[in-house]
Protein backbone atom coordinates (compact mmCIF):
# COMPACT_ATOMS: atom_id res chain seq x y z
CA UNK A 1 -1.91 -5.31 6.27
CA UNK A 2 -1.85 -1.57 5.72
CA UNK A 3 -3.17 -0.28 2.55
CA UNK A 4 -2.14 2.97 2.30
CA UNK A 5 -4.16 4.67 -0.75
CA UNK A 6 -5.88 8.50 -0.80
CA UNK A 7 -9.02 9.56 -2.61
CA UNK A 8 -6.99 11.48 -5.46
CA UNK A 9 -4.92 8.51 -6.38
CA UNK A 10 -5.98 6.40 -9.60
CA UNK A 11 -3.59 3.56 -8.89
CA UNK A 12 -5.22 3.28 -5.59
CA UNK A 13 -8.63 2.86 -7.02
CA UNK A 14 -7.15 0.52 -9.72
CA UNK A 15 -6.12 -1.86 -6.79
CA UNK A 16 -9.46 -1.57 -5.07
CA UNK A 17 -10.97 -2.23 -8.08
CA UNK A 18 -9.31 -4.38 -10.04
CA UNK A 19 -6.60 -6.42 -8.22
CA UNK A 20 -8.01 -6.64 -4.51
CA UNK A 21 -11.69 -7.83 -6.28
CA UNK A 22 -10.10 -10.62 -8.05
CA UNK A 23 -10.58 -14.23 -6.88
CA UNK A 24 -6.78 -15.16 -6.50
CA UNK A 25 -5.81 -12.39 -5.31
CA UNK A 26 -8.21 -12.09 -2.03
CA UNK A 27 -7.64 -16.01 -1.47
CA UNK A 28 -3.98 -14.93 -1.38
CA UNK A 29 -5.23 -12.03 1.03
CA UNK A 30 -7.61 -13.85 3.29
CA UNK A 31 -5.08 -14.61 6.24
CA UNK A 32 -4.32 -10.91 6.68
CA UNK A 33 -6.76 -8.21 7.98
CA UNK A 34 -6.82 -5.62 5.38
CA UNK A 35 -6.81 -2.07 7.23
CA UNK A 36 -7.11 0.59 4.69
CA UNK A 37 -5.12 4.02 5.52
CA UNK A 38 -6.02 7.36 4.31
CA UNK A 39 -3.48 9.53 2.87
CA UNK A 40 -5.81 12.35 0.96
CA UNK A 41 -5.24 14.93 3.60
CA UNK A 42 -0.89 14.84 3.74
CA UNK A 43 -0.74 17.44 6.17
CA UNK A 44 -2.82 16.10 8.74
CA UNK A 45 -1.07 14.96 11.80
CA UNK A 46 -1.96 11.44 11.66
CA UNK A 47 -0.61 10.95 8.49
CA UNK A 48 2.63 12.56 8.72
CA UNK A 49 2.75 10.39 11.84
CA UNK A 50 1.64 7.19 9.85
CA UNK A 51 4.20 8.13 7.06
CA UNK A 52 7.27 8.66 9.58
CA UNK A 53 6.90 5.65 11.14
CA UNK A 54 5.98 3.23 8.49
CA UNK A 55 8.51 5.56 5.62
CA UNK A 56 5.72 6.00 3.30
CA UNK A 57 6.74 7.78 0.13
CA UNK A 58 3.47 7.91 -2.04
CA UNK A 59 0.57 5.72 -2.54
CA UNK A 60 -0.59 3.49 -2.97
CA UNK A 61 2.26 1.74 -0.80
CA UNK A 62 0.68 -2.11 1.03
CA UNK A 63 2.92 -2.78 4.33
CA UNK A 64 2.42 -6.34 5.74
CA UNK A 65 2.97 -6.72 9.28
CA UNK A 66 3.77 -10.31 11.19
CA UNK A 67 0.80 -10.87 14.27
CA UNK A 68 3.74 -8.82 16.66
CA UNK A 69 3.14 -6.08 14.30
CA UNK A 70 6.45 -5.64 12.69
CA UNK A 71 6.74 -4.79 9.56
CA UNK A 72 7.93 -7.72 7.31
CA UNK A 73 7.05 -6.96 3.72
CA UNK A 74 6.05 -3.91 1.99
CA UNK A 75 5.39 -2.71 -1.92
CA UNK A 76 5.07 0.24 -3.11
CA UNK A 77 3.80 1.75 -6.84
CA UNK A 78 7.62 2.95 -6.81
CA UNK A 79 8.76 -0.42 -6.33
CA UNK A 80 7.59 -1.70 -9.87
CA UNK A 81 8.44 1.62 -11.28
CA UNK A 82 11.88 1.46 -10.64
CA UNK A 83 12.21 -2.35 -11.19
CA UNK A 84 10.50 -1.45 -15.28
CA UNK A 85 13.27 1.03 -15.64
CA UNK A 86 15.94 -1.19 -14.48
CA UNK A 87 14.59 -3.74 -16.28
CA UNK A 88 13.91 -2.06 -19.93
CA UNK A 89 17.72 -0.43 -19.65
């Protein structure tokens, strides 16, 4: 599990402090290894490479990888925003 976040990202801190510390969430994520990817410096070369490779449009974004390294699921903060906008229309 790749956890793309940044120091300045308030929702990222909420995930760290509230979601990932929740017992049920922690239990559900226990089969995964969580790797935190720091996107604080958007202009850093490694940030650009990873952003392009995983098509990260913003933080927070969580990418789940299969044991083979193939991307099998992702969840971005913009996903819920788009869903909330479409469900309220």
